[in-house]
Amino acid sequence: MNKNSIFGWASFILTLLGIVLILLGVLKYPDYAIGFSVVGVGFIAIGWAFNALKGRI
């Protein structure tokens, strides 16, 4: 695996974790949905940054 594929897999996993956290907060823990959503959006943003780094490092 080279650097680009590692960044690709990392961005995919982080985005997937972000979506799971948002859905977990909305569906299972509605009292804490805002906190779960903020953390999920943070994971998606980090995954987006990793995807943007792909090919530049």
PDB file of N, CA and C in Angstrom:
ATOM      1  N   MET A   1       0.840  -1.180   0.000  1.00  0.00           N
ATOM      2  CA  MET A   1       0.000   0.000   0.000  1.00  0.00           C
ATOM      3  C   MET A   1       0.886   1.245   0.000  1.00  0.00           C
ATOM      4  N   ASN A   2       0.559   2.150  -0.878  1.00  0.00           N
ATOM      5  CA  ASN A   2       1.308   3.404  -0.913  1.00  0.00           C
ATOM      6  C   ASN A   2       0.571   4.486  -0.108  1.00  0.00           C
ATOM      7  N   LYS A   3       1.127   5.683  -0.098  1.00  0.00           N
ATOM      8  CA  LYS A   3       0.554   6.762   0.710  1.00  0.00           C
ATOM      9  C   LYS A   3      -0.850   7.135   0.258  1.00  0.00           C
ATOM     10  N   ASN A   4      -1.069   7.148  -1.039  1.00  0.00           N
ATOM     11  CA  ASN A   4      -2.381   7.564  -1.534  1.00  0.00           C
ATOM     12  C   ASN A   4      -3.473   6.587  -1.129  1.00  0.00           C
ATOM     13  N   SER A   5      -3.170   5.296  -1.175  1.00  0.00           N
ATOM     14  CA  SER A   5      -4.202   4.336  -0.780  1.00  0.00           C
ATOM     15  C   SER A   5      -4.449   4.377   0.724  1.00  0.00           C
ATOM     16  N   ILE A   6      -3.415   4.663   1.509  1.00  0.00           N
ATOM     17  CA  ILE A   6      -3.606   4.788   2.956  1.00  0.00           C
ATOM     18  C   ILE A   6      -4.485   6.005   3.265  1.00  0.00           C
ATOM     19  N   PHE A   7      -4.229   7.129   2.603  1.00  0.00           N
ATOM     20  CA  PHE A   7      -5.071   8.308   2.795  1.00  0.00           C
ATOM     21  C   PHE A   7      -6.494   8.047   2.321  1.00  0.00           C
ATOM     22  N   GLY A   8      -6.648   7.303   1.248  1.00  0.00           N
ATOM     23  CA  GLY A   8      -7.976   6.969   0.755  1.00  0.00           C
ATOM     24  C   GLY A   8      -8.755   6.119   1.747  1.00  0.00           C
ATOM     25  N   TRP A   9      -8.104   5.080   2.265  1.00  0.00           N
ATOM     26  CA  TRP A   9      -8.768   4.217   3.251  1.00  0.00           C
ATOM     27  C   TRP A   9      -9.060   4.986   4.542  1.00  0.00           C
ATOM     28  N   ALA A  10      -8.136   5.823   4.982  1.00  0.00           N
ATOM     29  CA  ALA A  10      -8.351   6.598   6.205  1.00  0.00           C
ATOM     30  C   ALA A  10      -9.524   7.558   6.044  1.00  0.00           C
ATOM     31  N   SER A  11      -9.623   8.218   4.898  1.00  0.00           N
ATOM     32  CA  SER A  11     -10.737   9.140   4.685  1.00  0.00           C
ATOM     33  C   SER A  11     -12.058   8.389   4.601  1.00  0.00           C
ATOM     34  N   PHE A  12     -12.060   7.203   3.996  1.00  0.00           N
ATOM     35  CA  PHE A  12     -13.281   6.400   3.922  1.00  0.00           C
ATOM     36  C   PHE A  12     -13.731   5.951   5.306  1.00  0.00           C
ATOM     37  N   ILE A  13     -12.787   5.463   6.115  1.00  0.00           N
ATOM     38  CA  ILE A  13     -13.132   4.976   7.450  1.00  0.00           C
ATOM     39  C   ILE A  13     -13.611   6.121   8.344  1.00  0.00           C
ATOM     40  N   LEU A  14     -12.944   7.282   8.280  1.00  0.00           N
ATOM     41  CA  LEU A  14     -13.360   8.417   9.095  1.00  0.00           C
ATOM     42  C   LEU A  14     -14.732   8.935   8.686  1.00  0.00           C
ATOM     43  N   THR A  15     -15.010   8.970   7.388  1.00  0.00           N
ATOM     44  CA  THR A  15     -16.322   9.403   6.928  1.00  0.00           C
ATOM     45  C   THR A  15     -17.392   8.417   7.359  1.00  0.00           C
ATOM     46  N   LEU A  16     -17.100   7.135   7.262  1.00  0.00           N
ATOM     47  CA  LEU A  16     -18.045   6.110   7.690  1.00  0.00           C
ATOM     48  C   LEU A  16     -18.315   6.213   9.197  1.00  0.00           C
ATOM     49  N   LEU A  17     -17.267   6.413   9.996  1.00  0.00           N
ATOM     50  CA  LEU A  17     -17.455   6.580  11.437  1.00  0.00           C
ATOM     51  C   LEU A  17     -18.285   7.828  11.752  1.00  0.00           C
ATOM     52  N   GLY A  18     -18.074   8.896  11.011  1.00  0.00           N
ATOM     53  CA  GLY A  18     -18.862  10.108  11.215  1.00  0.00           C
ATOM     54  C   GLY A  18     -20.332   9.889  10.932  1.00  0.00           C
ATOM     55  N   ILE A  19     -20.635   9.190   9.855  1.00  0.00           N
ATOM     56  CA  ILE A  19     -22.029   8.911   9.520  1.00  0.00           C
ATOM     57  C   ILE A  19     -22.665   8.007  10.573  1.00  0.00           C
ATOM     58  N   VAL A  20     -21.904   7.002  11.037  1.00  0.00           N
ATOM     59  CA  VAL A  20     -22.420   6.100  12.068  1.00  0.00           C
ATOM     60  C   VAL A  20     -22.690   6.863  13.365  1.00  0.00           C
ATOM     61  N   LEU A  21     -21.798   7.769  13.747  1.00  0.00           N
ATOM     62  CA  LEU A  21     -22.017   8.546  14.962  1.00  0.00           C
ATOM     63  C   LEU A  21     -23.257   9.429  14.858  1.00  0.00           C
ATOM     64  N   ILE A  22     -23.449  10.058  13.717  1.00  0.00           N
ATOM     65  CA  ILE A  22     -24.631  10.900  13.530  1.00  0.00           C
ATOM     66  C   ILE A  22     -25.900  10.060  13.602  1.00  0.00           C
ATOM     67  N   LEU A  23     -25.912   8.925  12.928  1.00  0.00           N
ATOM     68  CA  LEU A  23     -27.094   8.063  12.961  1.00  0.00           C
ATOM     69  C   LEU A  23     -27.329   7.477  14.346  1.00  0.00           C
ATOM     70  N   LEU A  24     -26.262   7.139  15.052  1.00  0.00           N
ATOM     71  CA  LEU A  24     -26.394   6.619  16.411  1.00  0.00           C
ATOM     72  C   LEU A  24     -27.014   7.657  17.335  1.00  0.00           C
ATOM     73  N   GLY A  25     -26.580   8.890  17.205  1.00  0.00           N
ATOM     74  CA  GLY A  25     -27.153   9.943  18.021  1.00  0.00           C
ATOM     75  C   GLY A  25     -28.609  10.219  17.700  1.00  0.00           C
ATOM     76  N   VAL A  26     -28.961  10.171  16.431  1.00  0.00           N
ATOM     77  CA  VAL A  26     -30.339  10.489  16.040  1.00  0.00           C
ATOM     78  C   VAL A  26     -31.278   9.330  16.372  1.00  0.00           C
ATOM     79  N   LEU A  27     -30.854   8.111  16.127  1.00  0.00           N
ATOM     80  CA  LEU A  27     -31.754   6.972  16.260  1.00  0.00           C
ATOM     81  C   LEU A  27     -31.761   6.351  17.664  1.00  0.00           C
ATOM     82  N   LYS A  28     -30.612   6.229  18.289  1.00  0.00           N
ATOM     83  CA  LYS A  28     -30.561   5.501  19.565  1.00  0.00           C
ATOM     84  C   LYS A  28     -30.555   6.418  20.783  1.00  0.00           C
ATOM     85  N   TYR A  29     -29.819   7.518  20.719  1.00  0.00           N
ATOM     86  CA  TYR A  29     -29.711   8.434  21.856  1.00  0.00           C
ATOM     87  C   TYR A  29     -30.194   9.827  21.467  1.00  0.00           C
ATOM     88  N   PRO A  30     -31.492  10.031  21.363  1.00  0.00           N
ATOM     89  CA  PRO A  30     -31.980  11.356  20.928  1.00  0.00           C
ATOM     90  C   PRO A  30     -31.699  12.468  21.933  1.00  0.00           C
ATOM     91  N   ASP A  31     -31.487  12.121  23.226  1.00  0.00           N
ATOM     92  CA  ASP A  31     -31.177  13.165  24.201  1.00  0.00           C
ATOM     93  C   ASP A  31     -29.803  13.782  23.948  1.00  0.00           C
ATOM     94  N   TYR A  32     -28.897  12.997  23.388  1.00  0.00           N
ATOM     95  CA  TYR A  32     -27.531  13.452  23.145  1.00  0.00           C
ATOM     96  C   TYR A  32     -27.244  13.608  21.652  1.00  0.00           C
ATOM     97  N   ALA A  33     -28.271  13.833  20.867  1.00  0.00           N
ATOM     98  CA  ALA A  33     -28.116  13.879  19.408  1.00  0.00           C
ATOM     99  C   ALA A  33     -27.228  15.034  18.964  1.00  0.00           C
ATOM    100  N   ILE A  34     -27.279  16.160  19.664  1.00  0.00           N
ATOM    101  CA  ILE A  34     -26.473  17.308  19.249  1.00  0.00           C
ATOM    102  C   ILE A  34     -24.988  17.005  19.421  1.00  0.00           C
ATOM    103  N   GLY A  35     -24.615  16.414  20.541  1.00  0.00           N
ATOM    104  CA  GLY A  35     -23.214  16.073  20.769  1.00  0.00           C
ATOM    105  C   GLY A  35     -22.708  15.040  19.787  1.00  0.00           C
ATOM    106  N   PHE A  36     -23.499  13.993  19.559  1.00  0.00           N
ATOM    107  CA  PHE A  36     -23.112  12.973  18.587  1.00  0.00           C
ATOM    108  C   PHE A  36     -22.980  13.569  17.191  1.00  0.00           C
ATOM    109  N   SER A  37     -23.881  14.479  16.845  1.00  0.00           N
ATOM    110  CA  SER A  37     -23.834  15.081  15.508  1.00  0.00           C
ATOM    111  C   SER A  37     -22.609  15.971  15.336  1.00  0.00           C
ATOM    112  N   VAL A  38     -22.254  16.720  16.369  1.00  0.00           N
ATOM    113  CA  VAL A  38     -21.070  17.584  16.275  1.00  0.00           C
ATOM    114  C   VAL A  38     -19.810  16.741  16.099  1.00  0.00           C
ATOM    115  N   VAL A  39     -19.699  15.676  16.886  1.00  0.00           N
ATOM    116  CA  VAL A  39     -18.533  14.804  16.762  1.00  0.00           C
ATOM    117  C   VAL A  39     -18.527  14.102  15.407  1.00  0.00           C
ATOM    118  N   GLY A  40     -19.693  13.682  14.918  1.00  0.00           N
ATOM    119  CA  GLY A  40     -19.783  13.035  13.607  1.00  0.00           C
ATOM    120  C   GLY A  40     -19.374  13.963  12.479  1.00  0.00           C
ATOM    121  N   VAL A  41     -19.803  15.208  12.558  1.00  0.00           N
ATOM    122  CA  VAL A  41     -19.410  16.184  11.534  1.00  0.00           C
ATOM    123  C   VAL A  41     -17.903  16.439  11.601  1.00  0.00           C
ATOM    124  N   GLY A  42     -17.337  16.422  12.803  1.00  0.00           N
ATOM    125  CA  GLY A  42     -15.886  16.568  12.946  1.00  0.00           C
ATOM    126  C   GLY A  42     -15.140  15.419  12.279  1.00  0.00           C
ATOM    127  N   PHE A  43     -15.623  14.191  12.472  1.00  0.00           N
ATOM    128  CA  PHE A  43     -15.001  13.045  11.821  1.00  0.00           C
ATOM    129  C   PHE A  43     -15.096  13.161  10.307  1.00  0.00           C
ATOM    130  N   ILE A  44     -16.240  13.610   9.800  1.00  0.00           N
ATOM    131  CA  ILE A  44     -16.405  13.765   8.356  1.00  0.00           C
ATOM    132  C   ILE A  44     -15.455  14.844   7.829  1.00  0.00           C
ATOM    133  N   ALA A  45     -15.277  15.930   8.587  1.00  0.00           N
ATOM    134  CA  ALA A  45     -14.366  17.000   8.158  1.00  0.00           C
ATOM    135  C   ALA A  45     -12.920  16.509   8.118  1.00  0.00           C
ATOM    136  N   ILE A  46     -12.516  15.703   9.094  1.00  0.00           N
ATOM    137  CA  ILE A  46     -11.150  15.166   9.083  1.00  0.00           C
ATOM    138  C   ILE A  46     -10.975  14.207   7.912  1.00  0.00           C
ATOM    139  N   GLY A  47     -12.000  13.394   7.629  1.00  0.00           N
ATOM    140  CA  GLY A  47     -11.940  12.514   6.462  1.00  0.00           C
ATOM    141  C   GLY A  47     -11.844  13.290   5.168  1.00  0.00           C
ATOM    142  N   TRP A  48     -12.527  14.424   5.091  1.00  0.00           N
ATOM    143  CA  TRP A  48     -12.479  15.266   3.903  1.00  0.00           C
ATOM    144  C   TRP A  48     -11.077  15.856   3.737  1.00  0.00           C
ATOM    145  N   ALA A  49     -10.461  16.262   4.860  1.00  0.00           N
ATOM    146  CA  ALA A  49      -9.103  16.805   4.796  1.00  0.00           C
ATOM    147  C   ALA A  49      -8.107  15.729   4.355  1.00  0.00           C
ATOM    148  N   PHE A  50      -8.262  14.503   4.857  1.00  0.00           N
ATOM    149  CA  PHE A  50      -7.388  13.415   4.412  1.00  0.00           C
ATOM    150  C   PHE A  50      -7.564  13.150   2.928  1.00  0.00           C
ATOM    151  N   ASN A  51      -8.795  13.226   2.447  1.00  0.00           N
ATOM    152  CA  ASN A  51      -9.031  13.016   1.014  1.00  0.00           C
ATOM    153  C   ASN A  51      -8.391  14.129   0.196  1.00  0.00           C
ATOM    154  N   ALA A  52      -8.396  15.347   0.728  1.00  0.00           N
ATOM    155  CA  ALA A  52      -7.762  16.465   0.015  1.00  0.00           C
ATOM    156  C   ALA A  52      -6.242  16.322   0.010  1.00  0.00           C
ATOM    157  N   LEU A  53      -5.679  15.693   1.039  1.00  0.00           N
ATOM    158  CA  LEU A  53      -4.227  15.494   1.091  1.00  0.00           C
ATOM    159  C   LEU A  53      -3.759  14.403   0.148  1.00  0.00           C
ATOM    160  N   LYS A  54      -4.667  13.555  -0.281  1.00  0.00           N
ATOM    161  CA  LYS A  54      -4.300  12.443  -1.146  1.00  0.00           C
ATOM    162  C   LYS A  54      -3.663  12.967  -2.441  1.00  0.00           C
ATOM    163  N   GLY A  55      -2.476  12.547  -2.734  1.00  0.00           N
ATOM    164  CA  GLY A  55      -1.782  12.969  -3.936  1.00  0.00           C
ATOM    165  C   GLY A  55      -0.867  14.169  -3.758  1.00  0.00           C
ATOM    166  N   ARG A  56      -0.946  14.836  -2.597  1.00  0.00           N
ATOM    167  CA  ARG A  56      -0.115  16.015  -2.373  1.00  0.00           C
ATOM    168  C   ARG A  56       1.063  15.736  -1.458  1.00  0.00           C
ATOM    169  N   ILE A  57       0.989  14.665  -0.715  1.00  0.00           N
ATOM    170  CA  ILE A  57       2.088  14.349   0.220  1.00  0.00           C
ATOM    171  C   ILE A  57       2.846  13.150  -0.320  1.00  0.00           C
TER     172      ILE A  57
END
